[in-house]
Amino acid sequence: GRITNKREDGYHDLASLFHVISLGDIIKFSLSPSKTKDSLSTNVSGVPLDDRNLIHLDKWVPTGAGLGGGSSNAATALWAANQFSGCPASEKELQEWSSEIGSDIPFFFSQGAAYYTGRGEVVQNIPPPVSLDVPMVLIKPPEACSTAEVYKPREVKQLLNLDEPPQVKVQSSLHKRKVVLLVCLQSPLI
């Protein structure tokens, strides 16, 4: 993906291709018997366990990797709330509303592969460029990439001045063996 413009509202216009992979967190929802107090439990540290959360989360998507783990969890929670409420909203409405929570959350209401623009709220479904049954290897360095840090004005200005944005490359030898290598690259700008 690439940043195409800095917006007046402080966000950035993007042009990105998103594709699902077979890695995801497990979220278990249940209605609170008391209907007054909900809680969250999780298998990892660093996730707030106060009254802001009402689920059990088994976290498998690495945090700070740019893989949309938190955004997919938010989309799933929004979908579950709709289900528990008798489905008053369509998935299209959920997709529209989710952009108010986070810019890339609308993708998780797509059909699995999408081109998105704007700050992430404009989602166009596309045929998957990589078959969902192709094995993939994900490499994530121990350092995390903070979204806020990535979009800081200094780094964005440098990125906008690049002739060609950095791309994740697929090693041809792995591709020939029908294995796709995905690499979470750390930007030299952060």
Protein backbone atom coordinates (compact mmCIF):
# COMPACT_ATOMS: atom_id res chain seq x y z
CA GLY A 1 0.00 0.00 0.00
CA ARG A 2 0.95 3.59 -0.21
CA ILE A 3 0.09 6.96 1.27
CA THR A 4 -1.30 9.18 -1.45
CA ASN A 5 -2.10 12.39 0.44
CA LYS A 6 -2.28 14.07 3.85
CA ARG A 7 -5.87 15.04 4.62
CA GLU A 8 -7.11 18.19 6.36
CA ASP A 9 -8.71 16.05 9.11
CA GLY A 10 -5.27 14.73 10.15
CA TYR A 11 -5.65 11.33 8.49
CA HIS A 12 -3.88 10.15 5.35
CA ASP A 13 -5.39 8.97 2.08
CA LEU A 14 -4.21 5.47 1.29
CA ALA A 15 -4.29 3.10 -1.64
CA SER A 16 -3.82 -0.46 -0.39
CA LEU A 17 -4.53 -4.05 -1.25
CA PHE A 18 -5.61 -6.21 1.69
CA HIS A 19 -5.83 -9.99 1.61
CA VAL A 20 -6.83 -12.37 4.41
CA ILE A 21 -4.43 -14.99 5.70
CA SER A 22 -5.22 -18.05 7.78
CA LEU A 23 -4.10 -16.52 11.05
CA GLY A 24 -6.54 -15.09 13.50
CA ASP A 25 -7.35 -14.55 17.12
CA ILE A 26 -10.08 -16.56 18.82
CA ILE A 27 -12.74 -14.47 20.50
CA LYS A 28 -15.40 -16.04 22.71
CA PHE A 29 -18.50 -14.01 23.44
CA SER A 30 -21.14 -14.72 26.05
CA LEU A 31 -23.95 -12.73 27.54
CA SER A 32 -23.37 -11.70 31.12
CA PRO A 33 -25.87 -13.46 33.42
CA SER A 34 -26.20 -10.29 35.51
CA LYS A 35 -26.69 -8.08 32.41
CA THR A 36 -24.93 -5.35 34.36
CA LYS A 37 -21.24 -6.34 34.39
CA ASP A 38 -19.20 -7.67 31.48
CA SER A 39 -15.56 -8.66 31.49
CA LEU A 40 -12.65 -9.71 29.30
CA SER A 41 -10.18 -12.49 29.83
CA THR A 42 -7.15 -13.16 27.62
CA ASN A 43 -4.13 -15.39 27.20
CA VAL A 44 -1.65 -12.49 26.78
CA SER A 45 -0.46 -9.57 28.85
CA GLY A 46 -0.94 -6.01 27.70
CA VAL A 47 -4.65 -6.33 26.86
CA PRO A 48 -6.80 -4.16 29.16
CA LEU A 49 -8.99 -6.30 31.42
CA ASP A 50 -11.18 -3.54 32.81
CA ASP A 51 -14.83 -2.80 32.09
CA ARG A 52 -14.01 -1.52 28.58
CA ASN A 53 -13.94 -5.16 27.40
CA LEU A 54 -16.53 -7.95 27.54
CA ILE A 55 -15.02 -10.97 25.79
CA HIS A 56 -12.42 -13.73 26.08
CA LEU A 57 -9.56 -13.24 23.64
CA ASP A 58 -7.01 -15.88 22.63
CA LYS A 59 -4.44 -13.67 20.88
CA TRP A 60 -2.55 -15.27 17.99
CA VAL A 61 -2.05 -12.35 15.59
CA PRO A 62 1.18 -10.57 16.58
CA THR A 63 0.62 -7.06 17.93
CA GLY A 64 2.35 -4.17 16.22
CA ALA A 65 2.82 -6.18 13.01
CA GLY A 66 0.50 -4.25 10.71
CA LEU A 67 -1.64 -7.36 10.24
CA GLY A 68 -4.89 -5.82 11.48
CA GLY A 69 -5.22 -8.05 14.54
CA GLY A 70 -6.83 -5.38 16.70
CA SER A 71 -8.98 -4.16 13.83
CA SER A 72 -10.22 -7.67 13.04
CA ASN A 73 -11.07 -8.10 16.73
CA ALA A 74 -13.03 -4.82 16.68
CA ALA A 75 -14.91 -5.92 13.54
CA THR A 76 -15.70 -9.27 15.14
CA ALA A 77 -16.94 -7.59 18.34
CA LEU A 78 -19.16 -5.25 16.31
CA TRP A 79 -20.53 -8.21 14.33
CA ALA A 80 -21.17 -10.19 17.56
CA ALA A 81 -22.95 -7.24 19.20
CA ASN A 82 -25.19 -7.06 16.13
CA GLN A 83 -25.87 -10.82 16.36
CA PHE A 84 -26.70 -10.64 20.08
CA SER A 85 -29.08 -7.75 19.32
CA GLY A 86 -31.06 -9.67 16.70
CA CYS A 87 -29.19 -8.36 13.60
CA PRO A 88 -30.73 -4.87 13.35
CA ALA A 89 -27.86 -3.76 11.05
CA SER A 90 -26.77 -5.14 7.70
CA GLU A 91 -23.14 -6.09 7.11
CA LYS A 92 -22.88 -3.07 4.78
CA GLU A 93 -24.03 -0.81 7.63
CA LEU A 94 -21.57 -2.46 10.01
CA GLN A 95 -18.82 -1.87 7.45
CA GLU A 96 -19.75 1.82 7.19
CA TRP A 97 -20.03 2.30 10.96
CA SER A 98 -16.77 0.47 11.66
CA SER A 99 -14.75 3.18 9.92
CA GLU A 100 -15.65 5.48 12.82
CA ILE A 101 -13.86 3.06 15.18
CA GLY A 102 -10.75 2.44 13.07
CA SER A 103 -9.65 3.11 9.53
CA ASP A 104 -8.91 -0.47 8.47
CA ILE A 105 -11.81 -2.17 10.26
CA PRO A 106 -14.12 -1.96 7.21
CA PHE A 107 -11.84 -4.42 5.39
CA PHE A 108 -12.88 -7.16 7.80
CA PHE A 109 -16.43 -6.93 6.44
CA SER A 110 -15.13 -7.54 2.90
CA GLN A 111 -15.03 -10.83 1.00
CA GLY A 112 -11.39 -11.54 1.88
CA ALA A 113 -9.48 -9.50 -0.68
CA ALA A 114 -10.07 -5.81 -1.24
CA TYR A 115 -8.57 -2.63 -2.61
CA TYR A 116 -9.17 0.22 -0.26
CA THR A 117 -8.76 3.94 -0.52
CA GLY A 118 -9.55 7.07 1.46
CA ARG A 119 -8.37 6.58 5.03
CA GLY A 120 -9.53 2.96 4.71
CA GLU A 121 -13.28 3.42 4.65
CA VAL A 122 -13.68 2.96 0.87
CA VAL A 123 -13.52 -0.81 0.29
CA GLN A 124 -13.79 -2.45 -3.11
CA ASN A 125 -13.93 -6.26 -3.13
CA ILE A 126 -11.60 -7.89 -5.65
CA PRO A 127 -10.87 -11.50 -6.61
CA PRO A 128 -8.14 -12.87 -4.31
CA PRO A 129 -4.73 -12.35 -5.98
CA VAL A 130 -3.38 -15.35 -4.04
CA SER A 131 -5.45 -18.49 -3.52
CA LEU A 132 -6.51 -18.96 0.09
CA ASP A 133 -5.12 -22.53 0.07
CA VAL A 134 -1.55 -21.43 -0.76
CA PRO A 135 0.71 -22.04 2.27
CA MET A 136 2.25 -18.87 3.67
CA VAL A 137 5.16 -18.17 5.98
CA LEU A 138 4.92 -15.06 8.14
CA ILE A 139 8.05 -13.54 9.63
CA LYS A 140 7.56 -10.83 12.23
CA PRO A 141 10.56 -9.16 13.90
CA PRO A 142 10.39 -8.76 17.70
CA GLU A 143 9.96 -4.99 17.40
CA ALA A 144 6.45 -3.60 17.04
CA CYS A 145 5.34 -0.89 14.61
CA SER A 146 3.07 1.67 16.25
CA THR A 147 0.47 2.98 13.79
CA ALA A 148 0.72 6.43 15.37
CA GLU A 149 4.50 6.42 14.93
CA VAL A 150 4.30 5.20 11.33
CA TYR A 151 2.00 8.09 10.41
CA LYS A 152 3.94 10.82 12.20
CA PRO A 153 4.36 13.87 9.96
CA ARG A 154 8.15 13.50 9.65
CA GLU A 155 7.96 9.88 8.45
CA VAL A 156 4.96 10.47 6.19
CA LYS A 157 6.67 13.44 4.55
CA GLN A 158 9.69 11.25 3.81
CA LEU A 159 7.48 8.46 2.49
CA LEU A 160 5.59 10.84 0.21
CA ASN A 161 8.91 11.99 -1.24
CA LEU A 162 9.95 8.46 -2.20
CA ASP A 163 9.90 7.74 -5.92
CA GLU A 164 8.66 4.22 -5.26
CA PRO A 165 7.18 3.09 -1.91
CA PRO A 166 8.81 0.11 -0.18
CA GLN A 167 7.16 -3.13 -1.29
CA VAL A 168 7.00 -6.53 0.33
CA LYS A 169 8.65 -8.89 -2.14
CA VAL A 170 7.84 -12.55 -2.65
CA GLN A 171 10.88 -14.74 -3.11
CA SER A 172 10.51 -16.35 -6.51
CA SER A 173 11.96 -19.68 -5.39
CA LEU A 174 9.33 -20.00 -2.66
CA HIS A 175 6.62 -18.80 -5.02
CA LYS A 176 7.56 -21.50 -7.56
CA ARG A 177 7.04 -24.10 -4.82
CA LYS A 178 3.60 -22.57 -4.17
CA VAL A 179 4.63 -21.04 -0.86
CA VAL A 180 4.23 -17.30 -0.35
CA LEU A 181 6.64 -15.55 2.02
CA LEU A 182 5.15 -12.57 3.84
CA VAL A 183 7.58 -10.35 5.68
CA CYS A 184 6.67 -7.64 8.18
CA LEU A 185 9.32 -5.09 7.30
CA GLN A 186 10.41 -2.48 9.78
CA SER A 187 10.54 0.93 8.14
CA PRO A 188 13.95 2.58 8.34
CA LEU A 189 12.01 5.79 8.97
CA ILE A 190 10.79 4.84 12.44
